[in-house]
Amino acid sequence: MNSSSTRRQATRAKLYEAAVTLIAEQGFSATTVDEIAERAGVAKGTVYYNFKSKTELFEELLRYGVGLLTASLQAAEEETEERGGTRVEALDAMVRAGLVFIDRYPAFTQLYVAELWRTNRAWQSTLMVVRQQAVAVVETVLREGVERGELSEEIDVQLTAAALVGMVLVAALDWQAFQPERSIDDVHAALSRLLHGRVSGR
């Protein structure tokens, strides 16, 4: 990668960080391009050089953030596979990777979850595409688990994958907002018990 595209990537990352923080604080409509530029420490023209509009910046921010989440889920799955772990262990590693991601990018996660429930946004179709990429990683592992006899053939793969991703997102936001004193290990252990179906105590 040449130095100008490395520079451009670094600038974009700064703009994403500034935008996500401001939008999480005050909402999309109230956030101006001027404020994003100021928070990122760049000229206003730099924003428009990189993105046609504030809407495009936000759309790319969603792609970028969910792309990072998808990559971290994929990496957790691959590491488990390399050490010969089961598919259930891979799902467990993915739950932890999700928590680590959310702990690192809380403002982005908050924004992403909020946007999932809005239906009138310009970036709705982009959001659906990137959400599906993250869920698809989990679906693949669930399907392999069924094929290998680790998981019941009766599970609904699509719904279970969406439920697992949703569980991690919502539980992590709850952890950060209402139980911040708990460690990531503690939260992971609680979700791991759910994943292993040990809620009933049997």
C-alpha atoms as a PDB file:
ATOM      1  CA  MET A   1       0.000   0.000   0.000  1.00  0.00           C
ATOM      2  CA  ASN A   2       1.457   3.372  -0.949  1.00  0.00           C
ATOM      3  CA  SER A   3       1.874   6.180   1.545  1.00  0.00           C
ATOM      4  CA  SER A   4      -0.954   8.363   0.165  1.00  0.00           C
ATOM      5  CA  SER A   5      -3.555   5.594   0.508  1.00  0.00           C
ATOM      6  CA  THR A   6      -2.196   4.782   3.998  1.00  0.00           C
ATOM      7  CA  ARG A   7      -2.573   8.467   4.841  1.00  0.00           C
ATOM      8  CA  ARG A   8      -6.089   8.501   3.416  1.00  0.00           C
ATOM      9  CA  GLN A   9      -7.046   5.459   5.492  1.00  0.00           C
ATOM     10  CA  ALA A  10      -5.676   7.098   8.634  1.00  0.00           C
ATOM     11  CA  THR A  11      -7.681  10.270   7.878  1.00  0.00           C
ATOM     12  CA  ARG A  12     -10.843   8.244   7.308  1.00  0.00           C
ATOM     13  CA  ALA A  13     -10.323   6.358  10.583  1.00  0.00           C
ATOM     14  CA  LYS A  14     -10.005   9.738  12.386  1.00  0.00           C
ATOM     15  CA  LEU A  15     -13.213  10.966  10.749  1.00  0.00           C
ATOM     16  CA  TYR A  16     -15.070   7.747  11.668  1.00  0.00           C
ATOM     17  CA  GLU A  17     -13.965   8.085  15.273  1.00  0.00           C
ATOM     18  CA  ALA A  18     -15.020  11.729  15.456  1.00  0.00           C
ATOM     19  CA  ALA A  19     -18.363  11.055  13.743  1.00  0.00           C
ATOM     20  CA  VAL A  20     -19.280   8.050  15.865  1.00  0.00           C
ATOM     21  CA  THR A  21     -18.582   9.894  19.123  1.00  0.00           C
ATOM     22  CA  LEU A  22     -20.522  13.001  18.121  1.00  0.00           C
ATOM     23  CA  ILE A  23     -23.473  11.112  16.656  1.00  0.00           C
ATOM     24  CA  ALA A  24     -23.686   8.874  19.721  1.00  0.00           C
ATOM     25  CA  GLU A  25     -23.681  12.023  21.914  1.00  0.00           C
ATOM     26  CA  GLN A  26     -26.150  14.203  20.015  1.00  0.00           C
ATOM     27  CA  GLY A  27     -27.779  12.254  17.169  1.00  0.00           C
ATOM     28  CA  PHE A  28     -27.213  12.231  13.412  1.00  0.00           C
ATOM     29  CA  SER A  29     -29.337  15.278  12.495  1.00  0.00           C
ATOM     30  CA  ALA A  30     -27.806  17.522  15.155  1.00  0.00           C
ATOM     31  CA  THR A  31     -24.222  16.648  14.194  1.00  0.00           C
ATOM     32  CA  THR A  32     -22.659  18.914  11.577  1.00  0.00           C
ATOM     33  CA  VAL A  33     -19.796  18.285   9.174  1.00  0.00           C
ATOM     34  CA  ASP A  34     -17.995  21.248  10.777  1.00  0.00           C
ATOM     35  CA  GLU A  35     -18.136  19.551  14.178  1.00  0.00           C
ATOM     36  CA  ILE A  36     -16.898  16.255  12.755  1.00  0.00           C
ATOM     37  CA  ALA A  37     -13.958  18.015  11.077  1.00  0.00           C
ATOM     38  CA  GLU A  38     -13.140  19.954  14.246  1.00  0.00           C
ATOM     39  CA  ARG A  39     -13.281  16.843  16.448  1.00  0.00           C
ATOM     40  CA  ALA A  40     -11.069  14.937  13.977  1.00  0.00           C
ATOM     41  CA  GLY A  41      -8.614  17.842  13.804  1.00  0.00           C
ATOM     42  CA  VAL A  42      -8.917  18.273  10.030  1.00  0.00           C
ATOM     43  CA  ALA A  43     -10.222  20.959   7.666  1.00  0.00           C
ATOM     44  CA  LYS A  44     -13.879  20.793   6.610  1.00  0.00           C
ATOM     45  CA  GLY A  45     -12.757  20.286   2.993  1.00  0.00           C
ATOM     46  CA  THR A  46     -11.003  17.072   4.061  1.00  0.00           C
ATOM     47  CA  VAL A  47     -14.372  15.586   5.030  1.00  0.00           C
ATOM     48  CA  TYR A  48     -15.800  16.341   1.582  1.00  0.00           C
ATOM     49  CA  TYR A  49     -12.629  15.140  -0.111  1.00  0.00           C
ATOM     50  CA  ASN A  50     -13.156  11.728   1.512  1.00  0.00           C
ATOM     51  CA  PHE A  51     -16.964  11.563   1.508  1.00  0.00           C
ATOM     52  CA  LYS A  52     -19.593  13.209  -0.710  1.00  0.00           C
ATOM     53  CA  SER A  53     -21.863  13.987   2.239  1.00  0.00           C
ATOM     54  CA  LYS A  54     -22.481  13.441   5.932  1.00  0.00           C
ATOM     55  CA  THR A  55     -24.865  10.599   4.968  1.00  0.00           C
ATOM     56  CA  GLU A  56     -22.147   8.867   2.943  1.00  0.00           C
ATOM     57  CA  LEU A  57     -19.700   9.282   5.828  1.00  0.00           C
ATOM     58  CA  PHE A  58     -22.197   7.624   8.181  1.00  0.00           C
ATOM     59  CA  GLU A  59     -22.897   4.822   5.711  1.00  0.00           C
ATOM     60  CA  GLU A  60     -19.180   4.121   5.341  1.00  0.00           C
ATOM     61  CA  LEU A  61     -18.795   4.306   9.112  1.00  0.00           C
ATOM     62  CA  LEU A  62     -21.384   1.514   9.468  1.00  0.00           C
ATOM     63  CA  ARG A  63     -19.574  -0.568   6.837  1.00  0.00           C
ATOM     64  CA  TYR A  64     -16.229   0.016   8.531  1.00  0.00           C
ATOM     65  CA  GLY A  65     -17.444  -0.757  12.067  1.00  0.00           C
ATOM     66  CA  VAL A  66     -19.439  -3.861  11.224  1.00  0.00           C
ATOM     67  CA  GLY A  67     -16.547  -4.957   8.986  1.00  0.00           C
ATOM     68  CA  LEU A  68     -14.233  -4.841  12.014  1.00  0.00           C
ATOM     69  CA  LEU A  69     -16.741  -6.838  14.076  1.00  0.00           C
ATOM     70  CA  THR A  70     -17.151  -9.444  11.313  1.00  0.00           C
ATOM     71  CA  ALA A  71     -13.363  -9.786  10.976  1.00  0.00           C
ATOM     72  CA  SER A  72     -12.949 -10.317  14.726  1.00  0.00           C
ATOM     73  CA  LEU A  73     -15.688 -13.013  14.755  1.00  0.00           C
ATOM     74  CA  GLN A  74     -14.023 -14.705  11.790  1.00  0.00           C
ATOM     75  CA  ALA A  75     -10.606 -14.593  13.466  1.00  0.00           C
ATOM     76  CA  ALA A  76     -12.027 -16.185  16.659  1.00  0.00           C
ATOM     77  CA  GLU A  77     -13.554 -18.986  14.560  1.00  0.00           C
ATOM     78  CA  GLU A  78     -10.319 -19.583  12.624  1.00  0.00           C
ATOM     79  CA  GLU A  79      -8.154 -19.669  15.766  1.00  0.00           C
ATOM     80  CA  THR A  80     -10.482 -22.260  17.324  1.00  0.00           C
ATOM     81  CA  GLU A  81     -10.381 -24.357  14.135  1.00  0.00           C
ATOM     82  CA  GLU A  82      -6.560 -24.204  14.038  1.00  0.00           C
ATOM     83  CA  ARG A  83      -6.253 -25.637  17.530  1.00  0.00           C
ATOM     84  CA  GLY A  84      -8.777 -28.366  16.758  1.00  0.00           C
ATOM     85  CA  GLY A  85     -11.591 -26.923  18.863  1.00  0.00           C
ATOM     86  CA  THR A  86     -15.234 -27.868  18.461  1.00  0.00           C
ATOM     87  CA  ARG A  87     -17.827 -25.676  16.751  1.00  0.00           C
ATOM     88  CA  VAL A  88     -19.401 -24.920  20.134  1.00  0.00           C
ATOM     89  CA  GLU A  89     -15.985 -23.734  21.340  1.00  0.00           C
ATOM     90  CA  ALA A  90     -15.772 -21.591  18.199  1.00  0.00           C
ATOM     91  CA  LEU A  91     -19.152 -20.003  19.037  1.00  0.00           C
ATOM     92  CA  ASP A  92     -17.914 -19.405  22.590  1.00  0.00           C
ATOM     93  CA  ALA A  93     -14.747 -17.736  21.246  1.00  0.00           C
ATOM     94  CA  MET A  94     -16.927 -15.594  18.977  1.00  0.00           C
ATOM     95  CA  VAL A  95     -19.062 -14.480  21.934  1.00  0.00           C
ATOM     96  CA  ARG A  96     -15.880 -13.330  23.663  1.00  0.00           C
ATOM     97  CA  ALA A  97     -14.581 -11.630  20.502  1.00  0.00           C
ATOM     98  CA  GLY A  98     -17.890  -9.771  20.280  1.00  0.00           C
ATOM     99  CA  LEU A  99     -17.573  -8.582  23.879  1.00  0.00           C
ATOM    100  CA  VAL A 100     -13.980  -7.447  23.305  1.00  0.00           C
ATOM    101  CA  PHE A 101     -15.077  -5.521  20.198  1.00  0.00           C
ATOM    102  CA  ILE A 102     -17.965  -3.831  22.042  1.00  0.00           C
ATOM    103  CA  ASP A 103     -15.724  -2.982  24.991  1.00  0.00           C
ATOM    104  CA  ARG A 104     -13.339  -1.305  22.547  1.00  0.00           C
ATOM    105  CA  TYR A 105     -15.992   0.465  20.442  1.00  0.00           C
ATOM    106  CA  PRO A 106     -18.917   1.210  22.789  1.00  0.00           C
ATOM    107  CA  ALA A 107     -20.134   4.341  20.962  1.00  0.00           C
ATOM    108  CA  PHE A 108     -20.211   2.519  17.628  1.00  0.00           C
ATOM    109  CA  THR A 109     -22.126  -0.417  19.128  1.00  0.00           C
ATOM    110  CA  GLN A 110     -24.691   1.901  20.686  1.00  0.00           C
ATOM    111  CA  LEU A 111     -25.184   3.640  17.360  1.00  0.00           C
ATOM    112  CA  TYR A 112     -25.405   0.396  15.401  1.00  0.00           C
ATOM    113  CA  VAL A 113     -28.029  -1.105  17.712  1.00  0.00           C
ATOM    114  CA  ALA A 114     -30.090   2.115  17.631  1.00  0.00           C
ATOM    115  CA  GLU A 115     -29.961   2.267  13.827  1.00  0.00           C
ATOM    116  CA  LEU A 116     -31.110  -1.343  13.431  1.00  0.00           C
ATOM    117  CA  TRP A 117     -34.566  -0.290  14.662  1.00  0.00           C
ATOM    118  CA  ARG A 118     -35.021   2.743  12.421  1.00  0.00           C
ATOM    119  CA  THR A 119     -36.663   2.110   9.076  1.00  0.00           C
ATOM    120  CA  ASN A 120     -36.616   5.454   7.269  1.00  0.00           C
ATOM    121  CA  ARG A 121     -32.884   6.016   6.925  1.00  0.00           C
ATOM    122  CA  ALA A 122     -30.955   6.492   3.685  1.00  0.00           C
ATOM    123  CA  TRP A 123     -28.457   3.842   4.785  1.00  0.00           C
ATOM    124  CA  GLN A 124     -31.024   1.147   5.699  1.00  0.00           C
ATOM    125  CA  SER A 125     -30.042  -1.185   2.837  1.00  0.00           C
ATOM    126  CA  THR A 126     -26.318  -0.808   3.648  1.00  0.00           C
ATOM    127  CA  LEU A 127     -27.054  -1.624   7.277  1.00  0.00           C
ATOM    128  CA  MET A 128     -28.953  -4.785   6.315  1.00  0.00           C
ATOM    129  CA  VAL A 129     -26.094  -5.938   4.084  1.00  0.00           C
ATOM    130  CA  VAL A 130     -23.368  -5.431   6.708  1.00  0.00           C
ATOM    131  CA  ARG A 131     -25.536  -6.935   9.485  1.00  0.00           C
ATOM    132  CA  GLN A 132     -26.009 -10.029   7.329  1.00  0.00           C
ATOM    133  CA  GLN A 133     -22.236 -10.346   6.839  1.00  0.00           C
ATOM    134  CA  ALA A 134     -21.689 -10.508  10.608  1.00  0.00           C
ATOM    135  CA  VAL A 135     -24.593 -12.924  11.172  1.00  0.00           C
ATOM    136  CA  ALA A 136     -23.457 -15.125   8.248  1.00  0.00           C
ATOM    137  CA  VAL A 137     -20.165 -15.900  10.040  1.00  0.00           C
ATOM    138  CA  VAL A 138     -22.162 -17.281  12.982  1.00  0.00           C
ATOM    139  CA  GLU A 139     -24.589 -19.127  10.663  1.00  0.00           C
ATOM    140  CA  THR A 140     -21.670 -20.954   9.022  1.00  0.00           C
ATOM    141  CA  VAL A 141     -20.363 -22.200  12.368  1.00  0.00           C
ATOM    142  CA  LEU A 142     -23.846 -23.300  13.459  1.00  0.00           C
ATOM    143  CA  ARG A 143     -24.348 -25.232  10.187  1.00  0.00           C
ATOM    144  CA  GLU A 144     -20.979 -26.952  10.618  1.00  0.00           C
ATOM    145  CA  GLY A 145     -21.942 -27.807  14.208  1.00  0.00           C
ATOM    146  CA  VAL A 146     -25.129 -29.476  12.968  1.00  0.00           C
ATOM    147  CA  GLU A 147     -23.219 -31.340  10.222  1.00  0.00           C
ATOM    148  CA  ARG A 148     -20.655 -32.610  12.735  1.00  0.00           C
ATOM    149  CA  GLY A 149     -23.360 -33.770  15.125  1.00  0.00           C
ATOM    150  CA  GLU A 150     -22.371 -31.281  17.838  1.00  0.00           C
ATOM    151  CA  LEU A 151     -25.647 -29.384  17.596  1.00  0.00           C
ATOM    152  CA  SER A 152     -29.228 -30.541  17.190  1.00  0.00           C
ATOM    153  CA  GLU A 153     -30.529 -30.812  13.641  1.00  0.00           C
ATOM    154  CA  GLU A 154     -33.673 -29.096  14.841  1.00  0.00           C
ATOM    155  CA  ILE A 155     -32.075 -25.704  15.413  1.00  0.00           C
ATOM    156  CA  ASP A 156     -33.183 -22.854  13.196  1.00  0.00           C
ATOM    157  CA  VAL A 157     -29.751 -21.703  11.967  1.00  0.00           C
ATOM    158  CA  GLN A 158     -30.796 -18.239  10.753  1.00  0.00           C
ATOM    159  CA  LEU A 159     -32.768 -17.304  13.833  1.00  0.00           C
ATOM    160  CA  THR A 160     -30.219 -18.812  16.235  1.00  0.00           C
ATOM    161  CA  ALA A 161     -27.362 -16.878  14.585  1.00  0.00           C
ATOM    162  CA  ALA A 162     -29.338 -13.616  14.816  1.00  0.00           C
ATOM    163  CA  ALA A 163     -30.242 -14.403  18.438  1.00  0.00           C
ATOM    164  CA  LEU A 164     -26.594 -15.039  19.391  1.00  0.00           C
ATOM    165  CA  VAL A 165     -25.393 -11.801  17.797  1.00  0.00           C
ATOM    166  CA  GLY A 166     -28.293  -9.922  19.401  1.00  0.00           C
ATOM    167  CA  MET A 167     -27.607 -11.491  22.797  1.00  0.00           C
ATOM    168  CA  VAL A 168     -23.976 -10.377  22.743  1.00  0.00           C
ATOM    169  CA  LEU A 169     -24.798  -6.826  21.564  1.00  0.00           C
ATOM    170  CA  VAL A 170     -27.591  -6.186  24.038  1.00  0.00           C
ATOM    171  CA  ALA A 171     -25.934  -7.942  26.987  1.00  0.00           C
ATOM    172  CA  ALA A 172     -22.718  -5.982  26.383  1.00  0.00           C
ATOM    173  CA  LEU A 173     -24.548  -2.654  26.235  1.00  0.00           C
ATOM    174  CA  ASP A 174     -26.366  -3.555  29.449  1.00  0.00           C
ATOM    175  CA  TRP A 175     -23.039  -4.497  31.044  1.00  0.00           C
ATOM    176  CA  GLN A 176     -21.456  -1.175  30.105  1.00  0.00           C
ATOM    177  CA  ALA A 177     -24.432   0.976  31.072  1.00  0.00           C
ATOM    178  CA  PHE A 178     -25.613  -0.732  34.247  1.00  0.00           C
ATOM    179  CA  GLN A 179     -22.939  -3.160  35.478  1.00  0.00           C
ATOM    180  CA  PRO A 180     -19.611  -1.582  34.452  1.00  0.00           C
ATOM    181  CA  GLU A 181     -17.862  -2.974  37.537  1.00  0.00           C
ATOM    182  CA  ARG A 182     -18.085  -6.516  36.105  1.00  0.00           C
ATOM    183  CA  SER A 183     -15.056  -7.865  34.229  1.00  0.00           C
ATOM    184  CA  ILE A 184     -15.181  -9.090  30.653  1.00  0.00           C
ATOM    185  CA  ASP A 185     -14.380 -12.615  31.931  1.00  0.00           C
ATOM    186  CA  ASP A 186     -17.380 -12.470  34.234  1.00  0.00           C
ATOM    187  CA  VAL A 187     -19.754 -11.322  31.465  1.00  0.00           C
ATOM    188  CA  HIS A 188     -18.321 -13.884  29.047  1.00  0.00           C
ATOM    189  CA  ALA A 189     -18.823 -16.686  31.593  1.00  0.00           C
ATOM    190  CA  ALA A 190     -22.494 -15.704  32.029  1.00  0.00           C
ATOM    191  CA  LEU A 191     -23.122 -15.693  28.256  1.00  0.00           C
ATOM    192  CA  SER A 192     -21.145 -18.900  27.860  1.00  0.00           C
ATOM    193  CA  ARG A 193     -23.529 -20.648  30.271  1.00  0.00           C
ATOM    194  CA  LEU A 194     -26.438 -19.479  28.095  1.00  0.00           C
ATOM    195  CA  LEU A 195     -24.683 -20.710  24.953  1.00  0.00           C
ATOM    196  CA  HIS A 196     -24.104 -24.137  26.491  1.00  0.00           C
ATOM    197  CA  GLY A 197     -27.761 -24.367  27.490  1.00  0.00           C
ATOM    198  CA  ARG A 198     -27.023 -24.509  31.189  1.00  0.00           C
ATOM    199  CA  VAL A 199     -29.676 -21.986  32.254  1.00  0.00           C
ATOM    200  CA  SER A 200     -32.128 -24.648  33.405  1.00  0.00           C
ATOM    201  CA  GLY A 201     -29.596 -25.998  35.923  1.00  0.00           C
ATOM    202  CA  ARG A 202     -29.862 -29.526  34.633  1.00  0.00           C
END
